[in-house]
C-alpha atoms as a PDB file:
ATOM      1  CA  MET A   1      10.091  14.729   6.703  1.00  0.00           C
ATOM      2  CA  ILE A   2      11.754  12.274   9.044  1.00  0.00           C
ATOM      3  CA  VAL A   3      10.057   8.875   9.677  1.00  0.00           C
ATOM      4  CA  LYS A   4      11.573   6.892  12.547  1.00  0.00           C
ATOM      5  CA  ILE A   5      12.034   3.228  11.874  1.00  0.00           C
ATOM      6  CA  LYS A   6      12.639  -0.012  13.816  1.00  0.00           C
ATOM      7  CA  THR A   7      13.357  -3.325  12.161  1.00  0.00           C
ATOM      8  CA  LYS A   8      13.290  -7.013  12.956  1.00  0.00           C
ATOM      9  CA  GLU A   9      16.495  -8.935  12.428  1.00  0.00           C
ATOM     10  CA  GLY A  10      16.842  -9.846   8.662  1.00  0.00           C
ATOM     11  CA  ALA A  11      14.446  -7.118   7.449  1.00  0.00           C
ATOM     12  CA  THR A  12      15.336  -4.965   4.578  1.00  0.00           C
ATOM     13  CA  GLU A  13      14.799  -1.248   5.139  1.00  0.00           C
ATOM     14  CA  PRO A  14      12.628   0.618   2.742  1.00  0.00           C
ATOM     15  CA  LEU A  15      14.609   1.950  -0.210  1.00  0.00           C
ATOM     16  CA  TYR A  16      14.133   4.728  -2.743  1.00  0.00           C
ATOM     17  CA  LYS A  17      15.800   3.338  -5.932  1.00  0.00           C
ATOM     18  CA  THR A  18      16.263   6.744  -7.764  1.00  0.00           C
ATOM     19  CA  SER A  19      16.268  10.275  -6.687  1.00  0.00           C
ATOM     20  CA  GLY A  20      12.954  10.900  -8.602  1.00  0.00           C
ATOM     21  CA  ALA A  21      11.204   7.880  -7.029  1.00  0.00           C
ATOM     22  CA  SER A  22       7.907   8.804  -5.379  1.00  0.00           C
ATOM     23  CA  GLY A  23       7.677   5.503  -3.485  1.00  0.00           C
ATOM     24  CA  CYS A  24      10.216   3.539  -1.586  1.00  0.00           C
ATOM     25  CA  ASP A  25      10.282  -0.243  -2.191  1.00  0.00           C
ATOM     26  CA  LEU A  26       9.179  -2.670   0.559  1.00  0.00           C
ATOM     27  CA  TYR A  27      10.615  -6.210   0.999  1.00  0.00           C
ATOM     28  CA  ALA A  28       9.154  -9.357   2.493  1.00  0.00           C
ATOM     29  CA  LEU A  29      10.829 -10.479   5.717  1.00  0.00           C
ATOM     30  CA  ASP A  30      11.043 -14.111   4.368  1.00  0.00           C
ATOM     31  CA  ASN A  31      10.711 -15.974   1.077  1.00  0.00           C
ATOM     32  CA  ILE A  32       7.037 -16.954   0.537  1.00  0.00           C
ATOM     33  CA  MET A  33       5.340 -19.362  -1.863  1.00  0.00           C
ATOM     34  CA  PHE A  34       1.832 -18.349  -3.183  1.00  0.00           C
ATOM     35  CA  LYS A  35      -0.431 -20.946  -4.729  1.00  0.00           C
ATOM     36  CA  ALA A  36      -2.545 -19.969  -7.588  1.00  0.00           C
ATOM     37  CA  GLY A  37      -5.098 -17.338  -6.533  1.00  0.00           C
ATOM     38  CA  GLU A  38      -3.751 -17.301  -2.905  1.00  0.00           C
ATOM     39  CA  ILE A  39      -3.996 -14.306  -0.762  1.00  0.00           C
ATOM     40  CA  LYS A  40      -1.410 -13.742   2.041  1.00  0.00           C
ATOM     41  CA  LEU A  41      -0.567 -11.107   4.777  1.00  0.00           C
ATOM     42  CA  VAL A  42       3.256 -10.664   4.122  1.00  0.00           C
ATOM     43  CA  GLU A  43       5.446  -9.389   6.999  1.00  0.00           C
ATOM     44  CA  THR A  44       8.068  -6.744   6.148  1.00  0.00           C
ATOM     45  CA  GLY A  45       9.791  -6.678   9.530  1.00  0.00           C
ATOM     46  CA  ILE A  46       9.695  -2.951   9.695  1.00  0.00           C
ATOM     47  CA  PHE A  47       7.805  -0.567  12.226  1.00  0.00           C
ATOM     48  CA  LEU A  48       7.410   3.117  11.477  1.00  0.00           C
ATOM     49  CA  GLU A  49       6.677   6.298  13.422  1.00  0.00           C
ATOM     50  CA  ILE A  50       4.975   8.355  10.807  1.00  0.00           C
ATOM     51  CA  PRO A  51       4.560  12.124  11.722  1.00  0.00           C
ATOM     52  CA  GLU A  52       1.083  13.227  12.567  1.00  0.00           C
ATOM     53  CA  GLY A  53      -0.648  14.788   9.591  1.00  0.00           C
ATOM     54  CA  PHE A  54       0.798  12.148   7.201  1.00  0.00           C
ATOM     55  CA  GLU A  55       0.005   8.600   6.096  1.00  0.00           C
ATOM     56  CA  ALA A  56       1.886   5.995   4.263  1.00  0.00           C
ATOM     57  CA  GLN A  57       0.113   4.281   1.260  1.00  0.00           C
ATOM     58  CA  ILE A  58       1.152   0.894   0.263  1.00  0.00           C
ATOM     59  CA  ARG A  59       0.845   0.306  -3.494  1.00  0.00           C
ATOM     60  CA  THR A  60       1.474  -2.484  -6.028  1.00  0.00           C
ATOM     61  CA  ARG A  61       4.787  -2.199  -7.788  1.00  0.00           C
ATOM     62  CA  SER A  62       4.300  -2.124 -11.528  1.00  0.00           C
ATOM     63  CA  SER A  63       6.731  -5.053 -12.181  1.00  0.00           C
ATOM     64  CA  MET A  64       4.828  -7.271  -9.718  1.00  0.00           C
ATOM     65  CA  GLY A  65       1.507  -6.298 -11.079  1.00  0.00           C
ATOM     66  CA  LEU A  66       2.680  -7.267 -14.548  1.00  0.00           C
ATOM     67  CA  GLU A  67       3.463 -10.577 -13.240  1.00  0.00           C
ATOM     68  CA  GLY A  68       0.201 -10.949 -11.704  1.00  0.00           C
ATOM     69  CA  VAL A  69       0.982 -10.395  -7.920  1.00  0.00           C
ATOM     70  CA  ILE A  70      -0.851  -7.337  -6.651  1.00  0.00           C
ATOM     71  CA  VAL A  71      -1.456  -5.454  -3.294  1.00  0.00           C
ATOM     72  CA  LEU A  72      -4.978  -6.444  -2.826  1.00  0.00           C
ATOM     73  CA  ASN A  73      -6.212  -3.266  -0.943  1.00  0.00           C
ATOM     74  CA  SER A  74      -4.208  -0.882  -3.020  1.00  0.00           C
ATOM     75  CA  PRO A  75      -3.549   1.689  -1.876  1.00  0.00           C
ATOM     76  CA  GLY A  76      -3.526   0.425   1.816  1.00  0.00           C
ATOM     77  CA  THR A  77      -3.227   3.144   4.465  1.00  0.00           C
ATOM     78  CA  ILE A  78      -0.856   3.261   7.396  1.00  0.00           C
ATOM     79  CA  ASP A  79      -2.195   5.776   9.818  1.00  0.00           C
ATOM     80  CA  SER A  80       0.306   8.038  11.821  1.00  0.00           C
ATOM     81  CA  ASP A  81      -0.717   6.572  15.142  1.00  0.00           C
ATOM     82  CA  TYR A  82      -0.046   2.970  14.071  1.00  0.00           C
ATOM     83  CA  ARG A  83       3.068   1.386  15.669  1.00  0.00           C
ATOM     84  CA  GLY A  84       2.674  -2.260  14.548  1.00  0.00           C
ATOM     85  CA  GLU A  85       4.626  -4.044  11.991  1.00  0.00           C
ATOM     86  CA  ILE A  86       3.972  -2.973   8.379  1.00  0.00           C
ATOM     87  CA  LYS A  87       2.332  -5.892   6.585  1.00  0.00           C
ATOM     88  CA  VAL A  88       1.198  -6.064   2.911  1.00  0.00           C
ATOM     89  CA  ILE A  89      -1.738  -8.065   1.666  1.00  0.00           C
ATOM     90  CA  LEU A  90      -0.632  -9.732  -1.679  1.00  0.00           C
ATOM     91  CA  LYS A  91      -2.662 -11.752  -4.010  1.00  0.00           C
ATOM     92  CA  ASN A  92      -1.298 -14.058  -6.647  1.00  0.00           C
ATOM     93  CA  THR A  93      -3.762 -13.556  -9.542  1.00  0.00           C
ATOM     94  CA  ASN A  94      -1.975 -16.202 -11.624  1.00  0.00           C
ATOM     95  CA  LYS A  95      -3.286 -19.707 -12.343  1.00  0.00           C
ATOM     96  CA  PHE A  96       0.106 -21.065 -11.219  1.00  0.00           C
ATOM     97  CA  SER A  97       2.350 -20.806  -8.193  1.00  0.00           C
ATOM     98  CA  TYR A  98       4.544 -17.806  -7.529  1.00  0.00           C
ATOM     99  CA  LEU A  99       7.593 -17.570  -5.187  1.00  0.00           C
ATOM    100  CA  VAL A 100       8.183 -14.254  -3.651  1.00  0.00           C
ATOM    101  CA  LEU A 101      11.826 -13.885  -2.772  1.00  0.00           C
ATOM    102  CA  LYS A 102      12.740 -11.685   0.168  1.00  0.00           C
ATOM    103  CA  THR A 103      15.487 -10.007  -1.996  1.00  0.00           C
ATOM    104  CA  ARG A 104      12.862  -8.560  -4.376  1.00  0.00           C
ATOM    105  CA  ALA A 105      10.658  -5.661  -3.714  1.00  0.00           C
ATOM    106  CA  ILE A 106       6.989  -6.543  -3.248  1.00  0.00           C
ATOM    107  CA  ALA A 107       5.267  -3.216  -2.881  1.00  0.00           C
ATOM    108  CA  GLN A 108       6.023   0.521  -2.613  1.00  0.00           C
ATOM    109  CA  MET A 109       5.312   2.899   0.077  1.00  0.00           C
ATOM    110  CA  VAL A 110       4.282   6.624  -0.635  1.00  0.00           C
ATOM    111  CA  PHE A 111       3.955   9.270   2.180  1.00  0.00           C
ATOM    112  CA  GLN A 112       1.128  11.770   1.724  1.00  0.00           C
ATOM    113  CA  LYS A 113      -0.061  14.675   3.646  1.00  0.00           C
ATOM    114  CA  VAL A 114      -3.549  14.189   5.241  1.00  0.00           C
ATOM    115  CA  GLU A 115      -6.265  16.727   5.607  1.00  0.00           C
ATOM    116  CA  LYS A 116      -8.929  16.190   8.128  1.00  0.00           C
ATOM    117  CA  ALA A 117     -12.548  17.157   7.229  1.00  0.00           C
ATOM    118  CA  SER A 118     -15.255  18.770   9.421  1.00  0.00           C
ATOM    119  CA  PHE A 119     -18.662  17.631   8.650  1.00  0.00           C
ATOM    120  CA  GLU A 120     -21.653  19.920   8.423  1.00  0.00           C
ATOM    121  CA  HIS A 121     -25.198  18.560   8.419  1.00  0.00           C
ATOM    122  CA  VAL A 122     -27.540  19.991   5.709  1.00  0.00           C
ATOM    123  CA  LYS A 123     -30.958  18.945   4.397  1.00  0.00           C
ATOM    124  CA  ILE A 124     -30.002  19.423   0.663  1.00  0.00           C
ATOM    125  CA  LEU A 125     -26.664  18.788  -1.112  1.00  0.00           C
ATOM    126  CA  GLU A 126     -25.789  21.148  -4.022  1.00  0.00           C
ATOM    127  CA  LYS A 127     -26.799  19.562  -7.458  1.00  0.00           C
ATOM    128  CA  THR A 128     -24.178  18.755 -10.104  1.00  0.00           C
ATOM    129  CA  GLU A 129     -24.053  17.521 -13.722  1.00  0.00           C
ATOM    130  CA  ARG A 130     -23.367  14.049 -12.408  1.00  0.00           C
ATOM    131  CA  ASN A 131     -25.594  14.297  -9.381  1.00  0.00           C
ATOM    132  CA  ASP A 132     -26.208  10.778  -7.987  1.00  0.00           C
ATOM    133  CA  GLY A 133     -24.960   8.881 -11.094  1.00  0.00           C
ATOM    134  CA  GLY A 134     -22.452   6.270  -9.958  1.00  0.00           C
ATOM    135  CA  PHE A 135     -20.793   3.018 -11.045  1.00  0.00           C
ATOM    136  CA  GLY A 136     -20.076   3.628 -14.628  1.00  0.00           C
ATOM    137  CA  SER A 137     -22.510   6.614 -15.104  1.00  0.00           C
ATOM    138  CA  THR A 138     -19.780   8.756 -16.649  1.00  0.00           C
ATOM    139  CA  ASN A 139     -18.860   6.140 -19.135  1.00  0.00           C
ATOM    140  CA  LYS A 140     -22.067   6.093 -21.019  1.00  0.00           C
END
């Protein structure tokens, strides 16, 4: 799959660190200081043209998560028809400030094939063992 990319000056292009990596690393456009508990929309400086039938998912990097900085809506979805700058919602879950350096990967991006559903109206849905049990019902 080929994804066309445009970058702002100073942006770091997404990078697969190993041949077996599922996700490519994303980098902040600038250094950013997060106060304890703060949420920020972080610019990456990259713009993508994702082929139709695919999406990009933005996920927390395990090393950042271990340090208490997470992608808040993980996975975030970038649709194939979006042409704006890729931005990442980061949250510092720590009780102390955290400096994100532009030289460090802040998130990872994974490309996935997307299936579109057709909806069929019915009066009754087929019953299952779980049925309408939700929010922890399978953990009892």
